[in-house]
Amino acid sequence: MPVRADDGESAFATYDGYDGTLIAEDVLTNEQPYLAIGIPILTNAALIGLLLAYINSRFDAVDKRFDAVDRRFSSIDKRFDDMRELWRAELRRVEEVLDARLKHVEEAIARR
């Protein structure tokens, strides 16, 4: 017959059948496994959340660096485009000069 122990703890006491002495027994309550399983799960979830936040902040820093590099390359691309247009204009002018000289040479040959 289980009897609640007098010391106020969560142990139960039973009477030994041989000599009538009181034997204290610890009882596992439902809250103990909940705490034993739940607290580590919550701790791991919090640590994983912190790890993910740290990793995301590192990726954001790397993304900012790549954005800065992209801005640099966009200005370089613009300079290349400007140089391409300049070369096209210069080559067009050279072509016109060469055409004029060739025309002059052809007319001189035709006159002979």
PDB file of N, CA and C in Angstrom:
ATOM      1  N   MET A   1       0.840  -1.171   0.000  1.00  0.00           N
ATOM      2  CA  MET A   1       0.000   0.000   0.000  1.00  0.00           C
ATOM      3  C   MET A   1       0.885   1.235   0.000  1.00  0.00           C
ATOM      4  N   PRO A   2       0.820   2.042  -1.086  1.00  0.00           N
ATOM      5  CA  PRO A   2       1.671   3.234  -1.163  1.00  0.00           C
ATOM      6  C   PRO A   2       1.201   4.298  -0.195  1.00  0.00           C
ATOM      7  N   VAL A   3       2.147   4.900   0.455  1.00  0.00           N
ATOM      8  CA  VAL A   3       1.869   5.963   1.415  1.00  0.00           C
ATOM      9  C   VAL A   3       2.783   7.129   1.091  1.00  0.00           C
ATOM     10  N   ARG A   4       2.253   8.330   1.120  1.00  0.00           N
ATOM     11  CA  ARG A   4       3.058   9.523   0.831  1.00  0.00           C
ATOM     12  C   ARG A   4       4.040   9.734   1.967  1.00  0.00           C
ATOM     13  N   ALA A   5       5.319   9.996   1.613  1.00  0.00           N
ATOM     14  CA  ALA A   5       6.338  10.199   2.650  1.00  0.00           C
ATOM     15  C   ALA A   5       6.090  11.529   3.358  1.00  0.00           C
ATOM     16  N   ASP A   6       6.502  11.618   4.579  1.00  0.00           N
ATOM     17  CA  ASP A   6       6.245  12.802   5.395  1.00  0.00           C
ATOM     18  C   ASP A   6       7.213  13.949   5.136  1.00  0.00           C
ATOM     19  N   ASP A   7       8.301  13.709   4.435  1.00  0.00           N
ATOM     20  CA  ASP A   7       9.301  14.767   4.282  1.00  0.00           C
ATOM     21  C   ASP A   7       8.947  15.750   3.159  1.00  0.00           C
ATOM     22  N   GLY A   8       7.845  15.594   2.449  1.00  0.00           N
ATOM     23  CA  GLY A   8       7.392  16.533   1.437  1.00  0.00           C
ATOM     24  C   GLY A   8       8.033  16.343   0.078  1.00  0.00           C
ATOM     25  N   GLU A   9       8.860  15.338  -0.113  1.00  0.00           N
ATOM     26  CA  GLU A   9       9.481  15.084  -1.398  1.00  0.00           C
ATOM     27  C   GLU A   9       8.509  14.311  -2.277  1.00  0.00           C
ATOM     28  N   SER A  10       8.920  14.075  -3.524  1.00  0.00           N
ATOM     29  CA  SER A  10       8.034  13.386  -4.448  1.00  0.00           C
ATOM     30  C   SER A  10       8.260  11.874  -4.417  1.00  0.00           C
ATOM     31  N   ALA A  11       8.702  11.354  -3.310  1.00  0.00           N
ATOM     32  CA  ALA A  11       8.929   9.915  -3.188  1.00  0.00           C
ATOM     33  C   ALA A  11       7.719   9.273  -2.508  1.00  0.00           C
ATOM     34  N   PHE A  12       7.476   8.061  -2.878  1.00  0.00           N
ATOM     35  CA  PHE A  12       6.425   7.279  -2.222  1.00  0.00           C
ATOM     36  C   PHE A  12       7.073   6.289  -1.280  1.00  0.00           C
ATOM     37  N   ALA A  13       6.325   5.843  -0.350  1.00  0.00           N
ATOM     38  CA  ALA A  13       6.841   4.859   0.605  1.00  0.00           C
ATOM     39  C   ALA A  13       5.905   3.665   0.627  1.00  0.00           C
ATOM     40  N   THR A  14       6.475   2.530   0.720  1.00  0.00           N
ATOM     41  CA  THR A  14       5.680   1.302   0.863  1.00  0.00           C
ATOM     42  C   THR A  14       6.163   0.557   2.101  1.00  0.00           C
ATOM     43  N   TYR A  15       5.268  -0.264   2.631  1.00  0.00           N
ATOM     44  CA  TYR A  15       5.632  -1.078   3.792  1.00  0.00           C
ATOM     45  C   TYR A  15       6.200  -2.395   3.318  1.00  0.00           C
ATOM     46  N   ASP A  16       7.300  -2.753   3.886  1.00  0.00           N
ATOM     47  CA  ASP A  16       7.890  -4.051   3.583  1.00  0.00           C
ATOM     48  C   ASP A  16       7.045  -5.124   4.260  1.00  0.00           C
ATOM     49  N   GLY A  17       6.746  -6.150   3.540  1.00  0.00           N
ATOM     50  CA  GLY A  17       5.855  -7.180   4.063  1.00  0.00           C
ATOM     51  C   GLY A  17       6.460  -8.032   5.169  1.00  0.00           C
ATOM     52  N   TYR A  18       7.761  -8.105   5.300  1.00  0.00           N
ATOM     53  CA  TYR A  18       8.384  -9.003   6.264  1.00  0.00           C
ATOM     54  C   TYR A  18       8.406  -8.437   7.667  1.00  0.00           C
ATOM     55  N   ASP A  19       8.890  -7.199   7.778  1.00  0.00           N
ATOM     56  CA  ASP A  19       9.011  -6.682   9.147  1.00  0.00           C
ATOM     57  C   ASP A  19       8.259  -5.371   9.361  1.00  0.00           C
ATOM     58  N   GLY A  20       7.518  -4.891   8.363  1.00  0.00           N
ATOM     59  CA  GLY A  20       6.687  -3.708   8.539  1.00  0.00           C
ATOM     60  C   GLY A  20       7.440  -2.399   8.481  1.00  0.00           C
ATOM     61  N   THR A  21       8.682  -2.382   7.950  1.00  0.00           N
ATOM     62  CA  THR A  21       9.431  -1.126   7.855  1.00  0.00           C
ATOM     63  C   THR A  21       8.982  -0.351   6.617  1.00  0.00           C
ATOM     64  N   LEU A  22       9.154   0.927   6.685  1.00  0.00           N
ATOM     65  CA  LEU A  22       8.759   1.824   5.605  1.00  0.00           C
ATOM     66  C   LEU A  22       9.925   1.958   4.615  1.00  0.00           C
ATOM     67  N   ILE A  23       9.681   1.676   3.319  1.00  0.00           N
ATOM     68  CA  ILE A  23      10.718   1.759   2.279  1.00  0.00           C
ATOM     69  C   ILE A  23      10.329   2.891   1.338  1.00  0.00           C
ATOM     70  N   ALA A  24      11.246   3.842   1.129  1.00  0.00           N
ATOM     71  CA  ALA A  24      10.980   4.975   0.230  1.00  0.00           C
ATOM     72  C   ALA A  24      11.330   4.570  -1.205  1.00  0.00           C
ATOM     73  N   GLU A  25      10.458   4.948  -2.173  1.00  0.00           N
ATOM     74  CA  GLU A  25      10.692   4.661  -3.588  1.00  0.00           C
ATOM     75  C   GLU A  25      10.521   5.961  -4.376  1.00  0.00           C
ATOM     76  N   ASP A  26      11.437   6.203  -5.305  1.00  0.00           N
ATOM     77  CA  ASP A  26      11.304   7.369  -6.182  1.00  0.00           C
ATOM     78  C   ASP A  26      10.363   7.012  -7.321  1.00  0.00           C
ATOM     79  N   VAL A  27       9.526   7.972  -7.674  1.00  0.00           N
ATOM     80  CA  VAL A  27       8.560   7.755  -8.737  1.00  0.00           C
ATOM     81  C   VAL A  27       8.859   8.747  -9.864  1.00  0.00           C
ATOM     82  N   LEU A  28       8.863   8.268 -11.093  1.00  0.00           N
ATOM     83  CA  LEU A  28       9.092   9.117 -12.253  1.00  0.00           C
ATOM     84  C   LEU A  28       7.767   9.739 -12.667  1.00  0.00           C
ATOM     85  N   THR A  29       7.685  11.064 -12.560  1.00  0.00           N
ATOM     86  CA  THR A  29       6.448  11.744 -12.948  1.00  0.00           C
ATOM     87  C   THR A  29       6.491  12.071 -14.437  1.00  0.00           C
ATOM     88  N   ASN A  30       5.361  12.466 -14.983  1.00  0.00           N
ATOM     89  CA  ASN A  30       5.299  12.793 -16.406  1.00  0.00           C
ATOM     90  C   ASN A  30       6.105  14.037 -16.749  1.00  0.00           C
ATOM     91  N   GLU A  31       6.247  14.961 -15.831  1.00  0.00           N
ATOM     92  CA  GLU A  31       6.959  16.199 -16.101  1.00  0.00           C
ATOM     93  C   GLU A  31       8.453  15.979 -16.283  1.00  0.00           C
ATOM     94  N   GLN A  32       9.013  14.990 -15.632  1.00  0.00           N
ATOM     95  CA  GLN A  32      10.455  14.770 -15.716  1.00  0.00           C
ATOM     96  C   GLN A  32      10.912  14.388 -17.129  1.00  0.00           C
ATOM     97  N   PRO A  33      10.284  13.442 -17.825  1.00  0.00           N
ATOM     98  CA  PRO A  33      10.734  13.178 -19.201  1.00  0.00           C
ATOM     99  C   PRO A  33      10.442  14.342 -20.138  1.00  0.00           C
ATOM    100  N   TYR A  34       9.337  15.060 -19.868  1.00  0.00           N
ATOM    101  CA  TYR A  34       9.051  16.230 -20.696  1.00  0.00           C
ATOM    102  C   TYR A  34      10.200  17.229 -20.597  1.00  0.00           C
ATOM    103  N   LEU A  35      10.655  17.478 -19.396  1.00  0.00           N
ATOM    104  CA  LEU A  35      11.768  18.401 -19.201  1.00  0.00           C
ATOM    105  C   LEU A  35      13.079  17.821 -19.723  1.00  0.00           C
ATOM    106  N   ALA A  36      13.308  16.536 -19.499  1.00  0.00           N
ATOM    107  CA  ALA A  36      14.550  15.907 -19.932  1.00  0.00           C
ATOM    108  C   ALA A  36      14.668  15.887 -21.456  1.00  0.00           C
ATOM    109  N   ILE A  37      13.560  15.829 -22.142  1.00  0.00           N
ATOM    110  CA  ILE A  37      13.587  15.814 -23.611  1.00  0.00           C
ATOM    111  C   ILE A  37      13.379  17.222 -24.173  1.00  0.00           C
ATOM    112  N   GLY A  38      12.493  17.979 -23.565  1.00  0.00           N
ATOM    113  CA  GLY A  38      12.121  19.278 -24.120  1.00  0.00           C
ATOM    114  C   GLY A  38      13.192  20.342 -23.998  1.00  0.00           C
ATOM    115  N   ILE A  39      13.875  20.411 -22.873  1.00  0.00           N
ATOM    116  CA  ILE A  39      14.884  21.459 -22.676  1.00  0.00           C
ATOM    117  C   ILE A  39      16.042  21.314 -23.669  1.00  0.00           C
ATOM    118  N   PRO A  40      16.615  20.116 -23.883  1.00  0.00           N
ATOM    119  CA  PRO A  40      17.671  20.016 -24.906  1.00  0.00           C
ATOM    120  C   PRO A  40      17.175  20.336 -26.314  1.00  0.00           C
ATOM    121  N   ILE A  41      15.946  19.965 -26.627  1.00  0.00           N
ATOM    122  CA  ILE A  41      15.408  20.278 -27.954  1.00  0.00           C
ATOM    123  C   ILE A  41      15.305  21.792 -28.129  1.00  0.00           C
ATOM    124  N   LEU A  42      14.784  22.474 -27.128  1.00  0.00           N
ATOM    125  CA  LEU A  42      14.662  23.928 -27.213  1.00  0.00           C
ATOM    126  C   LEU A  42      16.034  24.593 -27.261  1.00  0.00           C
ATOM    127  N   THR A  43      16.982  24.075 -26.506  1.00  0.00           N
ATOM    128  CA  THR A  43      18.342  24.620 -26.527  1.00  0.00           C
ATOM    129  C   THR A  43      18.966  24.441 -27.904  1.00  0.00           C
ATOM    130  N   ASN A  44      18.827  23.250 -28.479  1.00  0.00           N
ATOM    131  CA  ASN A  44      19.375  23.005 -29.812  1.00  0.00           C
ATOM    132  C   ASN A  44      18.705  23.899 -30.854  1.00  0.00           C
ATOM    133  N   ALA A  45      17.405  24.079 -30.741  1.00  0.00           N
ATOM    134  CA  ALA A  45      16.702  24.943 -31.691  1.00  0.00           C
ATOM    135  C   ALA A  45      17.206  26.380 -31.586  1.00  0.00           C
ATOM    136  N   ALA A  46      17.431  26.854 -30.377  1.00  0.00           N
ATOM    137  CA  ALA A  46      17.941  28.215 -30.195  1.00  0.00           C
ATOM    138  C   ALA A  46      19.349  28.341 -30.769  1.00  0.00           C
ATOM    139  N   LEU A  47      20.196  27.356 -30.538  1.00  0.00           N
ATOM    140  CA  LEU A  47      21.561  27.409 -31.065  1.00  0.00           C
ATOM    141  C   LEU A  47      21.578  27.334 -32.585  1.00  0.00           C
ATOM    142  N   ILE A  48      20.727  26.510 -33.153  1.00  0.00           N
ATOM    143  CA  ILE A  48      20.643  26.422 -34.615  1.00  0.00           C
ATOM    144  C   ILE A  48      20.136  27.744 -35.184  1.00  0.00           C
ATOM    145  N   GLY A  49      19.169  28.368 -34.517  1.00  0.00           N
ATOM    146  CA  GLY A  49      18.685  29.677 -34.953  1.00  0.00           C
ATOM    147  C   GLY A  49      19.782  30.727 -34.928  1.00  0.00           C
ATOM    148  N   LEU A  50      20.596  30.730 -33.869  1.00  0.00           N
ATOM    149  CA  LEU A  50      21.714  31.664 -33.798  1.00  0.00           C
ATOM    150  C   LEU A  50      22.737  31.395 -34.895  1.00  0.00           C
ATOM    151  N   LEU A  51      23.004  30.119 -35.158  1.00  0.00           N
ATOM    152  CA  LEU A  51      23.947  29.755 -36.216  1.00  0.00           C
ATOM    153  C   LEU A  51      23.443  30.217 -37.581  1.00  0.00           C
ATOM    154  N   LEU A  52      22.169  30.023 -37.847  1.00  0.00           N
ATOM    155  CA  LEU A  52      21.599  30.466 -39.120  1.00  0.00           C
ATOM    156  C   LEU A  52      21.648  31.989 -39.248  1.00  0.00           C
ATOM    157  N   ALA A  53      21.388  32.691 -38.180  1.00  0.00           N
ATOM    158  CA  ALA A  53      21.469  34.155 -38.216  1.00  0.00           C
ATOM    159  C   ALA A  53      22.899  34.604 -38.504  1.00  0.00           C
ATOM    160  N   TYR A  54      23.871  33.947 -37.898  1.00  0.00           N
ATOM    161  CA  TYR A  54      25.279  34.281 -38.141  1.00  0.00           C
ATOM    162  C   TYR A  54      25.658  34.005 -39.591  1.00  0.00           C
ATOM    163  N   ILE A  55      25.250  32.852 -40.110  1.00  0.00           N
ATOM    164  CA  ILE A  55      25.572  32.497 -41.499  1.00  0.00           C
ATOM    165  C   ILE A  55      24.918  33.489 -42.457  1.00  0.00           C
ATOM    166  N   ASN A  56      23.672  33.864 -42.211  1.00  0.00           N
ATOM    167  CA  ASN A  56      22.998  34.836 -43.072  1.00  0.00           C
ATOM    168  C   ASN A  56      23.689  36.192 -43.046  1.00  0.00           C
ATOM    169  N   SER A  57      24.165  36.607 -41.876  1.00  0.00           N
ATOM    170  CA  SER A  57      24.866  37.896 -41.805  1.00  0.00           C
ATOM    171  C   SER A  57      26.166  37.829 -42.586  1.00  0.00           C
ATOM    172  N   ARG A  58      26.854  36.684 -42.554  1.00  0.00           N
ATOM    173  CA  ARG A  58      28.092  36.543 -43.326  1.00  0.00           C
ATOM    174  C   ARG A  58      27.793  36.569 -44.819  1.00  0.00           C
ATOM    175  N   PHE A  59      26.725  35.908 -45.243  1.00  0.00           N
ATOM    176  CA  PHE A  59      26.360  35.922 -46.662  1.00  0.00           C
ATOM    177  C   PHE A  59      25.959  37.327 -47.105  1.00  0.00           C
ATOM    178  N   ASP A  60      25.309  38.080 -46.241  1.00  0.00           N
ATOM    179  CA  ASP A  60      24.947  39.453 -46.586  1.00  0.00           C
ATOM    180  C   ASP A  60      26.197  40.303 -46.795  1.00  0.00           C
ATOM    181  N   ALA A  61      27.215  40.089 -45.962  1.00  0.00           N
ATOM    182  CA  ALA A  61      28.464  40.833 -46.120  1.00  0.00           C
ATOM    183  C   ALA A  61      29.136  40.480 -47.443  1.00  0.00           C
ATOM    184  N   VAL A  62      29.122  39.209 -47.802  1.00  0.00           N
ATOM    185  CA  VAL A  62      29.714  38.791 -49.077  1.00  0.00           C
ATOM    186  C   VAL A  62      28.912  39.359 -50.244  1.00  0.00           C
ATOM    187  N   ASP A  63      27.588  39.372 -50.124  1.00  0.00           N
ATOM    188  CA  ASP A  63      26.754  39.947 -51.179  1.00  0.00           C
ATOM    189  C   ASP A  63      27.060  41.433 -51.376  1.00  0.00           C
ATOM    190  N   LYS A  64      27.298  42.152 -50.292  1.00  0.00           N
ATOM    191  CA  LYS A  64      27.634  43.571 -50.406  1.00  0.00           C
ATOM    192  C   LYS A  64      28.959  43.754 -51.135  1.00  0.00           C
ATOM    193  N   ARG A  65      29.915  42.867 -50.855  1.00  0.00           N
ATOM    194  CA  ARG A  65      31.200  42.953 -51.560  1.00  0.00           C
ATOM    195  C   ARG A  65      31.011  42.709 -53.048  1.00  0.00           C
ATOM    196  N   PHE A  66      30.210  41.715 -53.403  1.00  0.00           N
ATOM    197  CA  PHE A  66      29.976  41.436 -54.813  1.00  0.00           C
ATOM    198  C   PHE A  66      29.231  42.590 -55.487  1.00  0.00           C
ATOM    199  N   ASP A  67      28.342  43.243 -54.767  1.00  0.00           N
ATOM    200  CA  ASP A  67      27.651  44.401 -55.330  1.00  0.00           C
ATOM    201  C   ASP A  67      28.644  45.519 -55.635  1.00  0.00           C
ATOM    202  N   ALA A  68      29.613  45.726 -54.737  1.00  0.00           N
ATOM    203  CA  ALA A  68      30.633  46.747 -54.974  1.00  0.00           C
ATOM    204  C   ALA A  68      31.468  46.388 -56.197  1.00  0.00           C
ATOM    205  N   VAL A  69      31.815  45.121 -56.342  1.00  0.00           N
ATOM    206  CA  VAL A  69      32.587  44.687 -57.513  1.00  0.00           C
ATOM    207  C   VAL A  69      31.756  44.859 -58.783  1.00  0.00           C
ATOM    208  N   ASP A  70      30.472  44.545 -58.718  1.00  0.00           N
ATOM    209  CA  ASP A  70      29.599  44.732 -59.882  1.00  0.00           C
ATOM    210  C   ASP A  70      29.536  46.204 -60.295  1.00  0.00           C
ATOM    211  N   ARG A  71      29.481  47.109 -59.321  1.00  0.00           N
ATOM    212  CA  ARG A  71      29.469  48.536 -59.649  1.00  0.00           C
ATOM    213  C   ARG A  71      30.777  48.942 -60.324  1.00  0.00           C
ATOM    214  N   ARG A  72      31.892  48.407 -59.846  1.00  0.00           N
ATOM    215  CA  ARG A  72      33.172  48.709 -60.483  1.00  0.00           C
ATOM    216  C   ARG A  72      33.187  48.222 -61.925  1.00  0.00           C
ATOM    217  N   PHE A  73      32.734  46.993 -62.130  1.00  0.00           N
ATOM    218  CA  PHE A  73      32.753  46.454 -63.482  1.00  0.00           C
ATOM    219  C   PHE A  73      31.765  47.163 -64.394  1.00  0.00           C
ATOM    220  N   SER A  74      30.675  47.653 -63.857  1.00  0.00           N
ATOM    221  CA  SER A  74      29.733  48.390 -64.704  1.00  0.00           C
ATOM    222  C   SER A  74      30.369  49.685 -65.193  1.00  0.00           C
ATOM    223  N   SER A  75      31.163  50.347 -64.359  1.00  0.00           N
ATOM    224  CA  SER A  75      31.850  51.561 -64.816  1.00  0.00           C
ATOM    225  C   SER A  75      32.922  51.214 -65.848  1.00  0.00           C
ATOM    226  N   ILE A  76      33.594  50.087 -65.675  1.00  0.00           N
ATOM    227  CA  ILE A  76      34.590  49.647 -66.663  1.00  0.00           C
ATOM    228  C   ILE A  76      33.900  49.299 -67.974  1.00  0.00           C
ATOM    229  N   ASP A  77      32.752  48.630 -67.895  1.00  0.00           N
ATOM    230  CA  ASP A  77      31.995  48.308 -69.110  1.00  0.00           C
ATOM    231  C   ASP A  77      31.584  49.578 -69.847  1.00  0.00           C
ATOM    232  N   LYS A  78      31.189  50.594 -69.104  1.00  0.00           N
ATOM    233  CA  LYS A  78      30.809  51.862 -69.735  1.00  0.00           C
ATOM    234  C   LYS A  78      32.003  52.488 -70.437  1.00  0.00           C
ATOM    235  N   ARG A  79      33.166  52.418 -69.809  1.00  0.00           N
ATOM    236  CA  ARG A  79      34.361  52.970 -70.442  1.00  0.00           C
ATOM    237  C   ARG A  79      34.698  52.206 -71.720  1.00  0.00           C
ATOM    238  N   PHE A  80      34.553  50.877 -71.701  1.00  0.00           N
ATOM    239  CA  PHE A  80      34.796  50.102 -72.915  1.00  0.00           C
ATOM    240  C   PHE A  80      33.807  50.478 -74.021  1.00  0.00           C
ATOM    241  N   ASP A  81      32.551  50.664 -73.656  1.00  0.00           N
ATOM    242  CA  ASP A  81      31.557  51.074 -74.654  1.00  0.00           C
ATOM    243  C   ASP A  81      31.900  52.433 -75.248  1.00  0.00           C
ATOM    244  N   ASP A  82      32.323  53.360 -74.380  1.00  0.00           N
ATOM    245  CA  ASP A  82      32.715  54.685 -74.871  1.00  0.00           C
ATOM    246  C   ASP A  82      33.916  54.586 -75.813  1.00  0.00           C
ATOM    247  N   MET A  83      34.894  53.757 -75.455  1.00  0.00           N
ATOM    248  CA  MET A  83      36.069  53.584 -76.313  1.00  0.00           C
ATOM    249  C   MET A  83      35.683  52.923 -77.631  1.00  0.00           C
ATOM    250  N   ARG A  84      34.777  51.996 -77.606  1.00  0.00           N
ATOM    251  CA  ARG A  84      34.322  51.338 -78.827  1.00  0.00           C
ATOM    252  C   ARG A  84      33.687  52.349 -79.775  1.00  0.00           C
ATOM    253  N   GLU A  85      32.850  53.216 -79.233  1.00  0.00           N
ATOM    254  CA  GLU A  85      32.224  54.251 -80.057  1.00  0.00           C
ATOM    255  C   GLU A  85      33.273  55.209 -80.627  1.00  0.00           C
ATOM    256  N   LEU A  86      34.263  55.565 -79.797  1.00  0.00           N
ATOM    257  CA  LEU A  86      35.329  56.448 -80.261  1.00  0.00           C
ATOM    258  C   LEU A  86      36.116  55.795 -81.406  1.00  0.00           C
ATOM    259  N   TRP A  87      36.453  54.522 -81.254  1.00  0.00           N
ATOM    260  CA  TRP A  87      37.191  53.817 -82.308  1.00  0.00           C
ATOM    261  C   TRP A  87      36.351  53.702 -83.579  1.00  0.00           C
ATOM    262  N   ARG A  88      35.078  53.459 -83.434  1.00  0.00           N
ATOM    263  CA  ARG A  88      34.217  53.392 -84.623  1.00  0.00           C
ATOM    264  C   ARG A  88      34.209  54.725 -85.365  1.00  0.00           C
ATOM    265  N   ALA A  89      34.104  55.807 -84.603  1.00  0.00           N
ATOM    266  CA  ALA A  89      34.109  57.137 -85.231  1.00  0.00           C
ATOM    267  C   ALA A  89      35.451  57.394 -85.918  1.00  0.00           C
ATOM    268  N   GLU A  90      36.549  57.057 -85.245  1.00  0.00           N
ATOM    269  CA  GLU A  90      37.878  57.256 -85.835  1.00  0.00           C
ATOM    270  C   GLU A  90      38.057  56.386 -87.075  1.00  0.00           C
ATOM    271  N   LEU A  91      37.644  55.127 -87.026  1.00  0.00           N
ATOM    272  CA  LEU A  91      37.772  54.247 -88.181  1.00  0.00           C
ATOM    273  C   LEU A  91      36.901  54.728 -89.342  1.00  0.00           C
ATOM    274  N   ARG A  92      35.745  55.272 -89.045  1.00  0.00           N
ATOM    275  CA  ARG A  92      34.876  55.821 -90.089  1.00  0.00           C
ATOM    276  C   ARG A  92      35.574  56.992 -90.787  1.00  0.00           C
ATOM    277  N   ARG A  93      36.218  57.840 -89.987  1.00  0.00           N
ATOM    278  CA  ARG A  93      36.943  58.981 -90.548  1.00  0.00           C
ATOM    279  C   ARG A  93      38.116  58.509 -91.396  1.00  0.00           C
ATOM    280  N   VAL A  94      38.877  57.510 -90.904  1.00  0.00           N
ATOM    281  CA  VAL A  94      40.005  56.962 -91.662  1.00  0.00           C
ATOM    282  C   VAL A  94      39.505  56.334 -92.954  1.00  0.00           C
ATOM    283  N   GLU A  95      38.399  55.635 -92.893  1.00  0.00           N
ATOM    284  CA  GLU A  95      37.828  55.022 -94.101  1.00  0.00           C
ATOM    285  C   GLU A  95      37.452  56.083 -95.128  1.00  0.00           C
ATOM    286  N   GLU A  96      36.870  57.181 -94.682  1.00  0.00           N
ATOM    287  CA  GLU A  96      36.516  58.262 -95.602  1.00  0.00           C
ATOM    288  C   GLU A  96      37.760  58.870 -96.240  1.00  0.00           C
ATOM    289  N   VAL A  97      38.828  59.052 -95.451  1.00  0.00           N
ATOM    290  CA  VAL A  97      40.078  59.609 -95.983  1.00  0.00           C
ATOM    291  C   VAL A  97      40.674  58.652 -97.007  1.00  0.00           C
ATOM    292  N   LEU A  98      40.701  57.353 -96.676  1.00  0.00           N
ATOM    293  CA  LEU A  98      41.257  56.369 -97.610  1.00  0.00           C
ATOM    294  C   LEU A  98      40.414  56.287 -98.885  1.00  0.00           C
ATOM    295  N   ASP A  99      39.094  56.377 -98.750  1.00  0.00           N
ATOM    296  CA  ASP A  99      38.232  56.361 -99.931  1.00  0.00           C
ATOM    297  C   ASP A  99      38.524  57.565-100.834  1.00  0.00           C
ATOM    298  N   ALA A 100      38.714  58.724-100.210  1.00  0.00           N
ATOM    299  CA  ALA A 100      39.010  59.931-100.991  1.00  0.00           C
ATOM    300  C   ALA A 100      40.344  59.786-101.712  1.00  0.00           C
ATOM    301  N   ARG A 101      41.368  59.263-101.040  1.00  0.00           N
ATOM    302  CA  ARG A 101      42.679  59.079-101.668  1.00  0.00           C
ATOM    303  C   ARG A 101      42.602  58.042-102.781  1.00  0.00           C
ATOM    304  N   LEU A 102      41.887  56.924-102.517  1.00  0.00           N
ATOM    305  CA  LEU A 102      41.749  55.885-103.543  1.00  0.00           C
ATOM    306  C   LEU A 102      41.017  56.428-104.767  1.00  0.00           C
ATOM    307  N   LYS A 103      39.994  57.232-104.534  1.00  0.00           N
ATOM    308  CA  LYS A 103      39.253  57.823-105.639  1.00  0.00           C
ATOM    309  C   LYS A 103      40.170  58.741-106.456  1.00  0.00           C
ATOM    310  N   HIS A 104      41.007  59.515-105.748  1.00  0.00           N
ATOM    311  CA  HIS A 104      41.948  60.410-106.408  1.00  0.00           C
ATOM    312  C   HIS A 104      42.955  59.609-107.236  1.00  0.00           C
ATOM    313  N   VAL A 105      43.464  58.497-106.696  1.00  0.00           N
ATOM    314  CA  VAL A 105      44.411  57.631-107.414  1.00  0.00           C
ATOM    315  C   VAL A 105      43.732  57.003-108.625  1.00  0.00           C
ATOM    316  N   GLU A 106      42.497  56.544-108.473  1.00  0.00           N
ATOM    317  CA  GLU A 106      41.775  55.921-109.587  1.00  0.00           C
ATOM    318  C   GLU A 106      41.540  56.938-110.704  1.00  0.00           C
ATOM    319  N   GLU A 107      41.221  58.197-110.330  1.00  0.00           N
ATOM    320  CA  GLU A 107      41.013  59.224-111.354  1.00  0.00           C
ATOM    321  C   GLU A 107      42.321  59.543-112.073  1.00  0.00           C
ATOM    322  N   ALA A 108      43.436  59.530-111.295  1.00  0.00           N
ATOM    323  CA  ALA A 108      44.731  59.809-111.931  1.00  0.00           C
ATOM    324  C   ALA A 108      45.113  58.687-112.889  1.00  0.00           C
ATOM    325  N   ILE A 109      44.807  57.443-112.542  1.00  0.00           N
ATOM    326  CA  ILE A 109      45.109  56.305-113.425  1.00  0.00           C
ATOM    327  C   ILE A 109      44.191  56.362-114.652  1.00  0.00           C
ATOM    328  N   ALA A 110      42.950  56.756-114.456  1.00  0.00           N
ATOM    329  CA  ALA A 110      41.999  56.800-115.548  1.00  0.00           C
ATOM    330  C   ALA A 110      42.389  57.888-116.571  1.00  0.00           C
ATOM    331  N   ARG A 111      43.011  58.976-116.104  1.00  0.00           N
ATOM    332  CA  ARG A 111      43.411  60.062-116.994  1.00  0.00           C
ATOM    333  C   ARG A 111      44.587  59.658-117.880  1.00  0.00           C
ATOM    334  N   ARG A 112      45.369  58.715-117.523  1.00  0.00           N
ATOM    335  CA  ARG A 112      46.528  58.318-118.314  1.00  0.00           C
ATOM    336  C   ARG A 112      46.159  57.583-119.499  1.00  0.00           C
TER     337      ARG A 112
END
